[in-house]
Amino acid sequence: RAMKVMSFPGIRHLLGTSIAKNLMQKAVPEWGPSEAARSKAKSVVIAEVRNASGQSQSVKLTCGEGYNVTAACAIEIAKRVLENDELRGTLTPSKAFGANLITEVSGANGEWC
């Protein structure tokens, strides 16, 4: 449904205007940690996969504060979706844009455990 709205002539330009951005920012209530607290925070994500034989592999990803990383990834994904008319179906961000999306966008680094 969102893609249909975005296909109307001029809607992309309209949403990019400062008036539209200000209206959207005012519509979202402020909550969560302050900007100062977020700028100092880090997030650590540990993921583990296991196959049918019981073998496992783990990775530890260290990145910036979760709200900031999520926002940066969401913005980058939206830009890439708008620039690519070839994407079809239901895809995870990594299937659509590659497994390194979070490291490209946020400067996160991973290490195998």
C-alpha atoms as a PDB file:
ATOM      1  CA  ARG A   1       0.000   0.000   0.000  1.00  0.00           C
ATOM      2  CA  ALA A   2       2.830   2.394   0.845  1.00  0.00           C
ATOM      3  CA  MET A   3       4.437   1.749  -2.535  1.00  0.00           C
ATOM      4  CA  LYS A   4       1.166   2.686  -4.279  1.00  0.00           C
ATOM      5  CA  VAL A   5       1.079   5.994  -2.397  1.00  0.00           C
ATOM      6  CA  MET A   6       4.724   6.662  -3.247  1.00  0.00           C
ATOM      7  CA  SER A   7       3.982   6.145  -6.955  1.00  0.00           C
ATOM      8  CA  PHE A   8       1.688   9.183  -7.146  1.00  0.00           C
ATOM      9  CA  PRO A   9       3.451  11.980  -9.043  1.00  0.00           C
ATOM     10  CA  GLY A  10       5.110  14.463  -6.721  1.00  0.00           C
ATOM     11  CA  ILE A  11       4.570  12.547  -3.456  1.00  0.00           C
ATOM     12  CA  ARG A  12       8.283  11.822  -3.008  1.00  0.00           C
ATOM     13  CA  HIS A  13       9.098  15.508  -3.456  1.00  0.00           C
ATOM     14  CA  LEU A  14       6.306  16.555  -1.100  1.00  0.00           C
ATOM     15  CA  LEU A  15       7.461  14.216   1.692  1.00  0.00           C
ATOM     16  CA  GLY A  16      10.999  15.578   1.343  1.00  0.00           C
ATOM     17  CA  THR A  17      10.041  19.194   1.984  1.00  0.00           C
ATOM     18  CA  SER A  18      10.923  20.882   5.260  1.00  0.00           C
ATOM     19  CA  ILE A  19       7.228  21.549   5.959  1.00  0.00           C
ATOM     20  CA  ALA A  20       6.388  17.835   5.679  1.00  0.00           C
ATOM     21  CA  LYS A  21       9.403  16.858   7.795  1.00  0.00           C
ATOM     22  CA  ASN A  22       8.455  19.352  10.528  1.00  0.00           C
ATOM     23  CA  LEU A  23       4.857  18.106  10.574  1.00  0.00           C
ATOM     24  CA  MET A  24       5.989  14.489  10.845  1.00  0.00           C
ATOM     25  CA  GLN A  25       8.468  15.312  13.623  1.00  0.00           C
ATOM     26  CA  LYS A  26       5.771  17.147  15.603  1.00  0.00           C
ATOM     27  CA  ALA A  27       3.405  14.188  15.201  1.00  0.00           C
ATOM     28  CA  VAL A  28       5.856  11.826  16.920  1.00  0.00           C
ATOM     29  CA  PRO A  29       6.025  12.277  20.697  1.00  0.00           C
ATOM     30  CA  GLU A  30       9.443  12.521  22.338  1.00  0.00           C
ATOM     31  CA  TRP A  31      10.243   9.601  24.630  1.00  0.00           C
ATOM     32  CA  GLY A  32      13.133   7.363  25.464  1.00  0.00           C
ATOM     33  CA  PRO A  33      16.659   8.369  26.404  1.00  0.00           C
ATOM     34  CA  SER A  34      17.924  11.884  25.740  1.00  0.00           C
ATOM     35  CA  GLU A  35      20.113  12.615  22.739  1.00  0.00           C
ATOM     36  CA  ALA A  36      23.094  13.085  25.067  1.00  0.00           C
ATOM     37  CA  ALA A  37      22.546   9.654  26.627  1.00  0.00           C
ATOM     38  CA  ARG A  38      22.088   8.031  23.211  1.00  0.00           C
ATOM     39  CA  SER A  39      25.308   9.565  21.883  1.00  0.00           C
ATOM     40  CA  LYS A  40      27.318   7.787  24.607  1.00  0.00           C
ATOM     41  CA  ALA A  41      25.555   4.423  24.496  1.00  0.00           C
ATOM     42  CA  LYS A  42      26.553   1.255  22.659  1.00  0.00           C
ATOM     43  CA  SER A  43      24.588  -1.839  21.723  1.00  0.00           C
ATOM     44  CA  VAL A  44      25.841  -5.397  21.630  1.00  0.00           C
ATOM     45  CA  VAL A  45      23.945  -8.118  19.769  1.00  0.00           C
ATOM     46  CA  ILE A  46      24.949 -11.757  19.987  1.00  0.00           C
ATOM     47  CA  ALA A  47      23.432 -14.196  17.512  1.00  0.00           C
ATOM     48  CA  GLU A  48      23.876 -17.954  17.397  1.00  0.00           C
ATOM     49  CA  VAL A  49      22.756 -20.457  14.785  1.00  0.00           C
ATOM     50  CA  ARG A  50      22.742 -24.234  15.133  1.00  0.00           C
ATOM     51  CA  ASN A  51      22.305 -26.839  12.423  1.00  0.00           C
ATOM     52  CA  ALA A  52      20.551 -30.204  12.640  1.00  0.00           C
ATOM     53  CA  SER A  53      23.856 -31.885  13.632  1.00  0.00           C
ATOM     54  CA  GLY A  54      24.190 -29.597  16.642  1.00  0.00           C
ATOM     55  CA  GLN A  55      27.063 -27.544  15.249  1.00  0.00           C
ATOM     56  CA  SER A  56      26.785 -23.871  16.127  1.00  0.00           C
ATOM     57  CA  GLN A  57      28.281 -20.565  15.086  1.00  0.00           C
ATOM     58  CA  SER A  58      28.012 -17.282  16.996  1.00  0.00           C
ATOM     59  CA  VAL A  59      28.745 -13.685  16.140  1.00  0.00           C
ATOM     60  CA  LYS A  60      28.924 -10.619  18.362  1.00  0.00           C
ATOM     61  CA  LEU A  61      27.970  -7.299  16.759  1.00  0.00           C
ATOM     62  CA  THR A  62      28.900  -4.058  18.503  1.00  0.00           C
ATOM     63  CA  CYS A  63      27.265  -0.875  17.266  1.00  0.00           C
ATOM     64  CA  GLY A  64      25.954   2.478  18.368  1.00  0.00           C
ATOM     65  CA  GLU A  65      22.905   3.067  20.520  1.00  0.00           C
ATOM     66  CA  GLY A  66      19.860   1.092  19.405  1.00  0.00           C
ATOM     67  CA  TYR A  67      17.501   4.002  18.638  1.00  0.00           C
ATOM     68  CA  ASN A  68      20.109   5.721  16.454  1.00  0.00           C
ATOM     69  CA  VAL A  69      21.096   2.527  14.617  1.00  0.00           C
ATOM     70  CA  THR A  70      17.454   1.616  14.015  1.00  0.00           C
ATOM     71  CA  ALA A  71      16.685   5.090  12.649  1.00  0.00           C
ATOM     72  CA  ALA A  72      19.764   5.115  10.406  1.00  0.00           C
ATOM     73  CA  CYS A  73      18.924   1.673   9.018  1.00  0.00           C
ATOM     74  CA  ALA A  74      15.262   2.592   8.466  1.00  0.00           C
ATOM     75  CA  ILE A  75      16.221   5.739   6.557  1.00  0.00           C
ATOM     76  CA  GLU A  76      18.766   3.888   4.428  1.00  0.00           C
ATOM     77  CA  ILE A  77      16.288   1.094   3.663  1.00  0.00           C
ATOM     78  CA  ALA A  78      13.615   3.623   2.674  1.00  0.00           C
ATOM     79  CA  LYS A  79      16.083   5.387   0.346  1.00  0.00           C
ATOM     80  CA  ARG A  80      17.110   2.111  -1.266  1.00  0.00           C
ATOM     81  CA  VAL A  81      13.504   0.964  -1.722  1.00  0.00           C
ATOM     82  CA  LEU A  82      12.580   4.268  -3.383  1.00  0.00           C
ATOM     83  CA  GLU A  83      15.610   4.012  -5.690  1.00  0.00           C
ATOM     84  CA  ASN A  84      14.963   0.399  -6.708  1.00  0.00           C
ATOM     85  CA  ASP A  85      11.788  -0.482  -8.608  1.00  0.00           C
ATOM     86  CA  GLU A  86      13.013  -4.079  -9.009  1.00  0.00           C
ATOM     87  CA  LEU A  87      12.358  -5.207  -5.412  1.00  0.00           C
ATOM     88  CA  ARG A  88       9.402  -7.582  -5.284  1.00  0.00           C
ATOM     89  CA  GLY A  89       7.766  -9.698  -2.619  1.00  0.00           C
ATOM     90  CA  THR A  90       8.452  -9.939   1.069  1.00  0.00           C
ATOM     91  CA  LEU A  91      12.137  -9.629   1.888  1.00  0.00           C
ATOM     92  CA  THR A  92      14.144  -9.161   5.025  1.00  0.00           C
ATOM     93  CA  PRO A  93      16.563  -6.216   4.920  1.00  0.00           C
ATOM     94  CA  SER A  94      19.496  -8.601   4.565  1.00  0.00           C
ATOM     95  CA  LYS A  95      17.863 -10.466   1.652  1.00  0.00           C
ATOM     96  CA  ALA A  96      17.048  -7.195  -0.101  1.00  0.00           C
ATOM     97  CA  PHE A  97      20.247  -5.243   0.597  1.00  0.00           C
ATOM     98  CA  GLY A  98      22.865  -7.727   1.797  1.00  0.00           C
ATOM     99  CA  ALA A  99      24.014  -9.093   5.120  1.00  0.00           C
ATOM    100  CA  ASN A 100      26.355  -6.140   5.712  1.00  0.00           C
ATOM    101  CA  LEU A 101      23.666  -3.442   5.691  1.00  0.00           C
ATOM    102  CA  ILE A 102      23.967  -2.696   9.421  1.00  0.00           C
ATOM    103  CA  THR A 103      27.758  -2.440   9.263  1.00  0.00           C
ATOM    104  CA  GLU A 104      27.601  -0.183   6.201  1.00  0.00           C
ATOM    105  CA  VAL A 105      25.012   2.134   7.755  1.00  0.00           C
ATOM    106  CA  SER A 106      26.063   2.256  11.398  1.00  0.00           C
ATOM    107  CA  GLY A 107      29.756   1.478  11.389  1.00  0.00           C
ATOM    108  CA  ALA A 108      29.052  -1.593  13.504  1.00  0.00           C
ATOM    109  CA  ASN A 109      31.671  -4.286  13.705  1.00  0.00           C
ATOM    110  CA  GLY A 110      31.274  -7.986  14.218  1.00  0.00           C
ATOM    111  CA  GLU A 111      33.475 -10.729  15.500  1.00  0.00           C
ATOM    112  CA  TRP A 112      33.008 -14.467  15.378  1.00  0.00           C
ATOM    113  CA  CYS A 113      32.723 -16.011  18.821  1.00  0.00           C
END
